[in-house]
Amino acid sequence: MEEELIDAVPCSSLAVDAILRIGTAGAIWGLCAGPQLARKRGLSGITRASFVAKSIGKYGFQCGLVAGVFSSTRCGIQRYRKQNDWMG
């Protein structure tokens, strides 16, 4: 039943799902890494807050972009070959 559902979902929906999930994980990573990097650079006040906000956006965007490209490429190749290479 699950295989039939995966085959029925469009590649764009899978890509958006991957972007949201992994992009959120990247934003959380930026939230954790940003303050540490700002402290190493000696930033404080508004400049520190700005740096942390930019790192959250940067990590979220980069991770989401990679996840979206990977997911849509994998789905497109899978549909083209008409084979599922995942075991299980």
PDB file of N, CA and C in Angstrom:
ATOM      1  N   MET A   1       0.821  -1.191   0.000  1.00  0.00           N
ATOM      2  CA  MET A   1       0.000   0.000   0.000  1.00  0.00           C
ATOM      3  C   MET A   1       0.865   1.255   0.000  1.00  0.00           C
ATOM      4  N   GLU A   2       1.951   1.239   0.780  1.00  0.00           N
ATOM      5  CA  GLU A   2       2.795   2.423   0.855  1.00  0.00           C
ATOM      6  C   GLU A   2       3.498   2.686  -0.472  1.00  0.00           C
ATOM      7  N   GLU A   3       3.899   1.636  -1.187  1.00  0.00           N
ATOM      8  CA  GLU A   3       4.544   1.819  -2.478  1.00  0.00           C
ATOM      9  C   GLU A   3       3.608   2.503  -3.458  1.00  0.00           C
ATOM     10  N   GLU A   4       2.332   2.122  -3.439  1.00  0.00           N
ATOM     11  CA  GLU A   4       1.365   2.743  -4.330  1.00  0.00           C
ATOM     12  C   GLU A   4       1.205   4.223  -4.012  1.00  0.00           C
ATOM     13  N   LEU A   5       1.247   4.573  -2.737  1.00  0.00           N
ATOM     14  CA  LEU A   5       1.106   5.966  -2.334  1.00  0.00           C
ATOM     15  C   LEU A   5       2.312   6.783  -2.775  1.00  0.00           C
ATOM     16  N   ILE A   6       3.517   6.231  -2.638  1.00  0.00           N
ATOM     17  CA  ILE A   6       4.722   6.943  -3.050  1.00  0.00           C
ATOM     18  C   ILE A   6       4.720   7.166  -4.553  1.00  0.00           C
ATOM     19  N   ASP A   7       4.260   6.192  -5.318  1.00  0.00           N
ATOM     20  CA  ASP A   7       4.206   6.337  -6.767  1.00  0.00           C
ATOM     21  C   ASP A   7       3.194   7.386  -7.197  1.00  0.00           C
ATOM     22  N   ALA A   8       2.174   7.635  -6.385  1.00  0.00           N
ATOM     23  CA  ALA A   8       1.119   8.572  -6.750  1.00  0.00           C
ATOM     24  C   ALA A   8       1.457  10.015  -6.389  1.00  0.00           C
ATOM     25  N   VAL A   9       2.469  10.230  -5.552  1.00  0.00           N
ATOM     26  CA  VAL A   9       2.812  11.582  -5.105  1.00  0.00           C
ATOM     27  C   VAL A   9       3.703  12.246  -6.150  1.00  0.00           C
ATOM     28  N   PRO A  10       3.384  13.480  -6.564  1.00  0.00           N
ATOM     29  CA  PRO A  10       4.223  14.172  -7.546  1.00  0.00           C
ATOM     30  C   PRO A  10       5.605  14.510  -6.979  1.00  0.00           C
ATOM     31  N   CYS A  11       6.578  14.588  -7.868  1.00  0.00           N
ATOM     32  CA  CYS A  11       7.948  14.905  -7.452  1.00  0.00           C
ATOM     33  C   CYS A  11       8.028  16.272  -6.783  1.00  0.00           C
ATOM     34  N   SER A  12       7.226  17.213  -7.236  1.00  0.00           N
ATOM     35  CA  SER A  12       7.274  18.548  -6.639  1.00  0.00           C
ATOM     36  C   SER A  12       6.830  18.524  -5.179  1.00  0.00           C
ATOM     37  N   SER A  13       5.867  17.679  -4.856  1.00  0.00           N
ATOM     38  CA  SER A  13       5.426  17.567  -3.464  1.00  0.00           C
ATOM     39  C   SER A  13       6.512  16.956  -2.590  1.00  0.00           C
ATOM     40  N   LEU A  14       7.206  15.964  -3.116  1.00  0.00           N
ATOM     41  CA  LEU A  14       8.307  15.362  -2.370  1.00  0.00           C
ATOM     42  C   LEU A  14       9.442  16.360  -2.171  1.00  0.00           C
ATOM     43  N   ALA A  15       9.701  17.183  -3.192  1.00  0.00           N
ATOM     44  CA  ALA A  15      10.760  18.187  -3.079  1.00  0.00           C
ATOM     45  C   ALA A  15      10.403  19.243  -2.041  1.00  0.00           C
ATOM     46  N   VAL A  16       9.159  19.700  -2.042  1.00  0.00           N
ATOM     47  CA  VAL A  16       8.730  20.702  -1.058  1.00  0.00           C
ATOM     48  C   VAL A  16       8.804  20.126   0.348  1.00  0.00           C
ATOM     49  N   ASP A  17       8.403  18.879   0.510  1.00  0.00           N
ATOM     50  CA  ASP A  17       8.493  18.228   1.815  1.00  0.00           C
ATOM     51  C   ASP A  17       9.943  18.176   2.296  1.00  0.00           C
ATOM     52  N   ALA A  18      10.855  17.798   1.412  1.00  0.00           N
ATOM     53  CA  ALA A  18      12.272  17.731   1.782  1.00  0.00           C
ATOM     54  C   ALA A  18      12.821  19.112   2.113  1.00  0.00           C
ATOM     55  N   ILE A  19      12.432  20.120   1.335  1.00  0.00           N
ATOM     56  CA  ILE A  19      12.898  21.488   1.588  1.00  0.00           C
ATOM     57  C   ILE A  19      12.452  21.955   2.963  1.00  0.00           C
ATOM     58  N   LEU A  20      11.191  21.714   3.291  1.00  0.00           N
ATOM     59  CA  LEU A  20      10.684  22.168   4.589  1.00  0.00           C
ATOM     60  C   LEU A  20      11.330  21.419   5.751  1.00  0.00           C
ATOM     61  N   ARG A  21      11.461  20.116   5.622  1.00  0.00           N
ATOM     62  CA  ARG A  21      12.032  19.330   6.726  1.00  0.00           C
ATOM     63  C   ARG A  21      13.513  19.636   6.939  1.00  0.00           C
ATOM     64  N   ILE A  22      14.293  19.536   5.888  1.00  0.00           N
ATOM     65  CA  ILE A  22      15.738  19.716   6.023  1.00  0.00           C
ATOM     66  C   ILE A  22      16.080  21.196   6.173  1.00  0.00           C
ATOM     67  N   GLY A  23      15.290  22.071   5.553  1.00  0.00           N
ATOM     68  CA  GLY A  23      15.499  23.506   5.758  1.00  0.00           C
ATOM     69  C   GLY A  23      15.275  23.910   7.201  1.00  0.00           C
ATOM     70  N   THR A  24      14.287  23.316   7.839  1.00  0.00           N
ATOM     71  CA  THR A  24      14.046  23.577   9.262  1.00  0.00           C
ATOM     72  C   THR A  24      15.208  23.064  10.102  1.00  0.00           C
ATOM     73  N   ALA A  25      15.707  21.888   9.768  1.00  0.00           N
ATOM     74  CA  ALA A  25      16.867  21.354  10.493  1.00  0.00           C
ATOM     75  C   ALA A  25      18.081  22.260  10.307  1.00  0.00           C
ATOM     76  N   GLY A  26      18.262  22.786   9.111  1.00  0.00           N
ATOM     77  CA  GLY A  26      19.364  23.715   8.862  1.00  0.00           C
ATOM     78  C   GLY A  26      19.208  25.006   9.643  1.00  0.00           C
ATOM     79  N   ALA A  27      17.983  25.500   9.746  1.00  0.00           N
ATOM     80  CA  ALA A  27      17.737  26.713  10.528  1.00  0.00           C
ATOM     81  C   ALA A  27      18.035  26.477  12.006  1.00  0.00           C
ATOM     82  N   ILE A  28      17.677  25.315  12.498  1.00  0.00           N
ATOM     83  CA  ILE A  28      17.991  24.978  13.892  1.00  0.00           C
ATOM     84  C   ILE A  28      19.504  24.879  14.072  1.00  0.00           C
ATOM     85  N   TRP A  29      20.191  24.313  13.086  1.00  0.00           N
ATOM     86  CA  TRP A  29      21.650  24.248  13.136  1.00  0.00           C
ATOM     87  C   TRP A  29      22.234  25.663  13.170  1.00  0.00           C
ATOM     88  N   GLY A  30      21.712  26.550  12.354  1.00  0.00           N
ATOM     89  CA  GLY A  30      22.173  27.938  12.362  1.00  0.00           C
ATOM     90  C   GLY A  30      21.900  28.624  13.684  1.00  0.00           C
ATOM     91  N   LEU A  31      20.773  28.292  14.301  1.00  0.00           N
ATOM     92  CA  LEU A  31      20.436  28.856  15.604  1.00  0.00           C
ATOM     93  C   LEU A  31      21.418  28.387  16.674  1.00  0.00           C
ATOM     94  N   CYS A  32      21.898  27.169  16.537  1.00  0.00           N
ATOM     95  CA  CYS A  32      22.872  26.637  17.509  1.00  0.00           C
ATOM     96  C   CYS A  32      24.295  27.114  17.208  1.00  0.00           C
ATOM     97  N   ALA A  33      24.667  27.166  15.936  1.00  0.00           N
ATOM     98  CA  ALA A  33      26.035  27.514  15.561  1.00  0.00           C
ATOM     99  C   ALA A  33      26.262  29.022  15.502  1.00  0.00           C
ATOM    100  N   GLY A  34      25.228  29.795  15.202  1.00  0.00           N
ATOM    101  CA  GLY A  34      25.371  31.241  15.047  1.00  0.00           C
ATOM    102  C   GLY A  34      25.923  31.955  16.264  1.00  0.00           C
ATOM    103  N   PRO A  35      25.364  31.737  17.446  1.00  0.00           N
ATOM    104  CA  PRO A  35      25.900  32.422  18.624  1.00  0.00           C
ATOM    105  C   PRO A  35      27.353  32.058  18.932  1.00  0.00           C
ATOM    106  N   GLN A  36      27.717  30.815  18.693  1.00  0.00           N
ATOM    107  CA  GLN A  36      29.097  30.408  18.943  1.00  0.00           C
ATOM    108  C   GLN A  36      30.050  31.113  17.981  1.00  0.00           C
ATOM    109  N   LEU A  37      29.691  31.174  16.707  1.00  0.00           N
ATOM    110  CA  LEU A  37      30.534  31.865  15.737  1.00  0.00           C
ATOM    111  C   LEU A  37      30.598  33.362  16.028  1.00  0.00           C
ATOM    112  N   ALA A  38      29.475  33.933  16.460  1.00  0.00           N
ATOM    113  CA  ALA A  38      29.462  35.359  16.799  1.00  0.00           C
ATOM    114  C   ALA A  38      30.360  35.636  17.999  1.00  0.00           C
ATOM    115  N   ARG A  39      30.355  34.748  18.961  1.00  0.00           N
ATOM    116  CA  ARG A  39      31.211  34.920  20.141  1.00  0.00           C
ATOM    117  C   ARG A  39      32.683  34.826  19.751  1.00  0.00           C
ATOM    118  N   LYS A  40      33.016  33.888  18.845  1.00  0.00           N
ATOM    119  CA  LYS A  40      34.399  33.754  18.385  1.00  0.00           C
ATOM    120  C   LYS A  40      34.867  35.009  17.656  1.00  0.00           C
ATOM    121  N   ARG A  41      33.953  35.665  16.945  1.00  0.00           N
ATOM    122  CA  ARG A  41      34.299  36.890  16.216  1.00  0.00           C
ATOM    123  C   ARG A  41      34.261  38.127  17.101  1.00  0.00           C
ATOM    124  N   GLY A  42      33.794  37.962  18.317  1.00  0.00           N
ATOM    125  CA  GLY A  42      33.762  39.086  19.250  1.00  0.00           C
ATOM    126  C   GLY A  42      32.613  40.050  19.017  1.00  0.00           C
ATOM    127  N   LEU A  43      31.535  39.594  18.431  1.00  0.00           N
ATOM    128  CA  LEU A  43      30.392  40.457  18.151  1.00  0.00           C
ATOM    129  C   LEU A  43      29.506  40.572  19.386  1.00  0.00           C
ATOM    130  N   SER A  44      28.834  41.710  19.504  1.00  0.00           N
ATOM    131  CA  SER A  44      27.899  41.901  20.615  1.00  0.00           C
ATOM    132  C   SER A  44      26.787  42.845  20.178  1.00  0.00           C
ATOM    133  N   GLY A  45      25.695  42.803  20.900  1.00  0.00           N
ATOM    134  CA  GLY A  45      24.569  43.709  20.649  1.00  0.00           C
ATOM    135  C   GLY A  45      23.848  43.411  19.350  1.00  0.00           C
ATOM    136  N   ILE A  46      23.530  44.497  18.635  1.00  0.00           N
ATOM    137  CA  ILE A  46      22.770  44.390  17.380  1.00  0.00           C
ATOM    138  C   ILE A  46      23.557  43.627  16.322  1.00  0.00           C
ATOM    139  N   THR A  47      24.869  43.834  16.274  1.00  0.00           N
ATOM    140  CA  THR A  47      25.666  43.125  15.264  1.00  0.00           C
ATOM    141  C   THR A  47      25.647  41.619  15.510  1.00  0.00           C
ATOM    142  N   ARG A  48      25.647  41.229  16.784  1.00  0.00           N
ATOM    143  CA  ARG A  48      25.571  39.795  17.112  1.00  0.00           C
ATOM    144  C   ARG A  48      24.209  39.224  16.722  1.00  0.00           C
ATOM    145  N   ALA A  49      23.142  39.934  17.046  1.00  0.00           N
ATOM    146  CA  ALA A  49      21.797  39.471  16.696  1.00  0.00           C
ATOM    147  C   ALA A  49      21.631  39.382  15.183  1.00  0.00           C
ATOM    148  N   SER A  50      22.174  40.356  14.473  1.00  0.00           N
ATOM    149  CA  SER A  50      22.104  40.341  13.018  1.00  0.00           C
ATOM    150  C   SER A  50      22.885  39.160  12.445  1.00  0.00           C
ATOM    151  N   PHE A  51      24.058  38.909  13.002  1.00  0.00           N
ATOM    152  CA  PHE A  51      24.874  37.785  12.543  1.00  0.00           C
ATOM    153  C   PHE A  51      24.159  36.453  12.775  1.00  0.00           C
ATOM    154  N   VAL A  52      23.551  36.292  13.939  1.00  0.00           N
ATOM    155  CA  VAL A  52      22.831  35.051  14.253  1.00  0.00           C
ATOM    156  C   VAL A  52      21.635  34.883  13.314  1.00  0.00           C
ATOM    157  N   ALA A  53      20.895  35.956  13.066  1.00  0.00           N
ATOM    158  CA  ALA A  53      19.745  35.876  12.156  1.00  0.00           C
ATOM    159  C   ALA A  53      20.187  35.507  10.745  1.00  0.00           C
ATOM    160  N   LYS A  54      21.295  36.095  10.297  1.00  0.00           N
ATOM    161  CA  LYS A  54      21.806  35.762   8.966  1.00  0.00           C
ATOM    162  C   LYS A  54      22.278  34.316   8.895  1.00  0.00           C
ATOM    163  N   SER A  55      22.899  33.824   9.964  1.00  0.00           N
ATOM    164  CA  SER A  55      23.362  32.431   9.945  1.00  0.00           C
ATOM    165  C   SER A  55      22.182  31.462   9.948  1.00  0.00           C
ATOM    166  N   ILE A  56      21.111  31.807  10.649  1.00  0.00           N
ATOM    167  CA  ILE A  56      19.909  30.967  10.631  1.00  0.00           C
ATOM    168  C   ILE A  56      19.357  30.889   9.210  1.00  0.00           C
ATOM    169  N   GLY A  57      19.235  32.026   8.558  1.00  0.00           N
ATOM    170  CA  GLY A  57      18.734  32.050   7.188  1.00  0.00           C
ATOM    171  C   GLY A  57      19.658  31.347   6.211  1.00  0.00           C
ATOM    172  N   LYS A  58      20.962  31.564   6.378  1.00  0.00           N
ATOM    173  CA  LYS A  58      21.936  30.963   5.467  1.00  0.00           C
ATOM    174  C   LYS A  58      21.920  29.443   5.566  1.00  0.00           C
ATOM    175  N   TYR A  59      22.004  28.920   6.784  1.00  0.00           N
ATOM    176  CA  TYR A  59      22.013  27.467   6.950  1.00  0.00           C
ATOM    177  C   TYR A  59      20.678  26.854   6.530  1.00  0.00           C
ATOM    178  N   GLY A  60      19.576  27.491   6.860  1.00  0.00           N
ATOM    179  CA  GLY A  60      18.273  26.978   6.464  1.00  0.00           C
ATOM    180  C   GLY A  60      18.108  26.937   4.958  1.00  0.00           C
ATOM    181  N   PHE A  61      18.535  28.016   4.293  1.00  0.00           N
ATOM    182  CA  PHE A  61      18.421  28.079   2.834  1.00  0.00           C
ATOM    183  C   PHE A  61      19.319  27.049   2.161  1.00  0.00           C
ATOM    184  N   GLN A  62      20.569  26.969   2.601  1.00  0.00           N
ATOM    185  CA  GLN A  62      21.509  26.037   1.972  1.00  0.00           C
ATOM    186  C   GLN A  62      21.069  24.587   2.141  1.00  0.00           C
ATOM    187  N   CYS A  63      20.671  24.225   3.339  1.00  0.00           N
ATOM    188  CA  CYS A  63      20.234  22.843   3.583  1.00  0.00           C
ATOM    189  C   CYS A  63      18.955  22.533   2.812  1.00  0.00           C
ATOM    190  N   GLY A  64      18.020  23.471   2.794  1.00  0.00           N
ATOM    191  CA  GLY A  64      16.783  23.270   2.051  1.00  0.00           C
ATOM    192  C   GLY A  64      17.018  23.148   0.555  1.00  0.00           C
ATOM    193  N   LEU A  65      17.936  23.956   0.032  1.00  0.00           N
ATOM    194  CA  LEU A  65      18.248  23.909  -1.394  1.00  0.00           C
ATOM    195  C   LEU A  65      18.847  22.558  -1.781  1.00  0.00           C
ATOM    196  N   VAL A  66      19.807  22.097  -1.006  1.00  0.00           N
ATOM    197  CA  VAL A  66      20.426  20.800  -1.291  1.00  0.00           C
ATOM    198  C   VAL A  66      19.391  19.678  -1.194  1.00  0.00           C
ATOM    199  N   ALA A  67      18.546  19.727  -0.174  1.00  0.00           N
ATOM    200  CA  ALA A  67      17.527  18.687  -0.010  1.00  0.00           C
ATOM    201  C   ALA A  67      16.533  18.697  -1.165  1.00  0.00           C
ATOM    202  N   GLY A  68      16.122  19.874  -1.602  1.00  0.00           N
ATOM    203  CA  GLY A  68      15.174  19.964  -2.707  1.00  0.00           C
ATOM    204  C   GLY A  68      15.748  19.454  -4.013  1.00  0.00           C
ATOM    205  N   VAL A  69      16.984  19.828  -4.303  1.00  0.00           N
ATOM    206  CA  VAL A  69      17.630  19.359  -5.534  1.00  0.00           C
ATOM    207  C   VAL A  69      17.819  17.847  -5.488  1.00  0.00           C
ATOM    208  N   PHE A  70      18.283  17.341  -4.350  1.00  0.00           N
ATOM    209  CA  PHE A  70      18.480  15.892  -4.226  1.00  0.00           C
ATOM    210  C   PHE A  70      17.160  15.141  -4.381  1.00  0.00           C
ATOM    211  N   SER A  71      16.136  15.596  -3.692  1.00  0.00           N
ATOM    212  CA  SER A  71      14.851  14.898  -3.705  1.00  0.00           C
ATOM    213  C   SER A  71      14.219  14.905  -5.091  1.00  0.00           C
ATOM    214  N   SER A  72      14.229  16.061  -5.751  1.00  0.00           N
ATOM    215  CA  SER A  72      13.605  16.126  -7.074  1.00  0.00           C
ATOM    216  C   SER A  72      14.416  15.353  -8.107  1.00  0.00           C
ATOM    217  N   THR A  73      15.736  15.374  -7.998  1.00  0.00           N
ATOM    218  CA  THR A  73      16.569  14.605  -8.920  1.00  0.00           C
ATOM    219  C   THR A  73      16.353  13.110  -8.724  1.00  0.00           C
ATOM    220  N   ARG A  74      16.339  12.676  -7.477  1.00  0.00           N
ATOM    221  CA  ARG A  74      16.117  11.257  -7.180  1.00  0.00           C
ATOM    222  C   ARG A  74      14.749  10.804  -7.677  1.00  0.00           C
ATOM    223  N   CYS A  75      13.745  11.618  -7.441  1.00  0.00           N
ATOM    224  CA  CYS A  75      12.391  11.264  -7.866  1.00  0.00           C
ATOM    225  C   CYS A  75      12.292  11.217  -9.392  1.00  0.00           C
ATOM    226  N   GLY A  76      12.890  12.207 -10.053  1.00  0.00           N
ATOM    227  CA  GLY A  76      12.852  12.237 -11.512  1.00  0.00           C
ATOM    228  C   GLY A  76      13.541  11.042 -12.139  1.00  0.00           C
ATOM    229  N   ILE A  77      14.699  10.675 -11.597  1.00  0.00           N
ATOM    230  CA  ILE A  77      15.419   9.511 -12.116  1.00  0.00           C
ATOM    231  C   ILE A  77      14.633   8.236 -11.847  1.00  0.00           C
ATOM    232  N   GLN A  78      14.044   8.154 -10.674  1.00  0.00           N
ATOM    233  CA  GLN A  78      13.246   6.973 -10.322  1.00  0.00           C
ATOM    234  C   GLN A  78      12.047   6.847 -11.257  1.00  0.00           C
ATOM    235  N   ARG A  79      11.391   7.946 -11.560  1.00  0.00           N
ATOM    236  CA  ARG A  79      10.232   7.893 -12.469  1.00  0.00           C
ATOM    237  C   ARG A  79      10.668   7.557 -13.890  1.00  0.00           C
ATOM    238  N   TYR A  80      11.822   8.092 -14.303  1.00  0.00           N
ATOM    239  CA  TYR A  80      12.315   7.830 -15.650  1.00  0.00           C
ATOM    240  C   TYR A  80      12.665   6.350 -15.823  1.00  0.00           C
ATOM    241  N   ARG A  81      13.343   5.794 -14.823  1.00  0.00           N
ATOM    242  CA  ARG A  81      13.749   4.389 -14.889  1.00  0.00           C
ATOM    243  C   ARG A  81      12.603   3.438 -14.582  1.00  0.00           C
ATOM    244  N   LYS A  82      11.562   3.943 -13.943  1.00  0.00           N
ATOM    245  CA  LYS A  82      10.422   3.132 -13.515  1.00  0.00           C
ATOM    246  C   LYS A  82      10.866   2.001 -12.592  1.00  0.00           C
ATOM    247  N   GLN A  83      11.852   2.317 -11.743  1.00  0.00           N
ATOM    248  CA  GLN A  83      12.353   1.360 -10.761  1.00  0.00           C
ATOM    249  C   GLN A  83      12.601   2.094  -9.455  1.00  0.00           C
ATOM    250  N   ASN A  84      12.375   1.381  -8.365  1.00  0.00           N
ATOM    251  CA  ASN A  84      12.669   1.918  -7.044  1.00  0.00           C
ATOM    252  C   ASN A  84      13.895   1.187  -6.516  1.00  0.00           C
ATOM    253  N   ASP A  85      14.981   1.914  -6.298  1.00  0.00           N
ATOM    254  CA  ASP A  85      16.232   1.290  -5.883  1.00  0.00           C
ATOM    255  C   ASP A  85      16.337   1.078  -4.384  1.00  0.00           C
ATOM    256  N   TRP A  86      15.380   1.604  -3.619  1.00  0.00           N
ATOM    257  CA  TRP A  86      15.439   1.433  -2.171  1.00  0.00           C
ATOM    258  C   TRP A  86      14.987   0.035  -1.811  1.00  0.00           C
ATOM    259  N   MET A  87      15.705  -0.592  -0.920  1.00  0.00           N
ATOM    260  CA  MET A  87      15.346  -1.931  -0.457  1.00  0.00           C
ATOM    261  C   MET A  87      14.343  -1.806   0.676  1.00  0.00           C
ATOM    262  N   GLY A  88      13.392  -2.685   0.726  1.00  0.00           N
ATOM    263  CA  GLY A  88      12.467  -2.707   1.852  1.00  0.00           C
ATOM    264  C   GLY A  88      11.097  -2.297   1.546  1.00  0.00           C
TER     265      GLY A  88
END
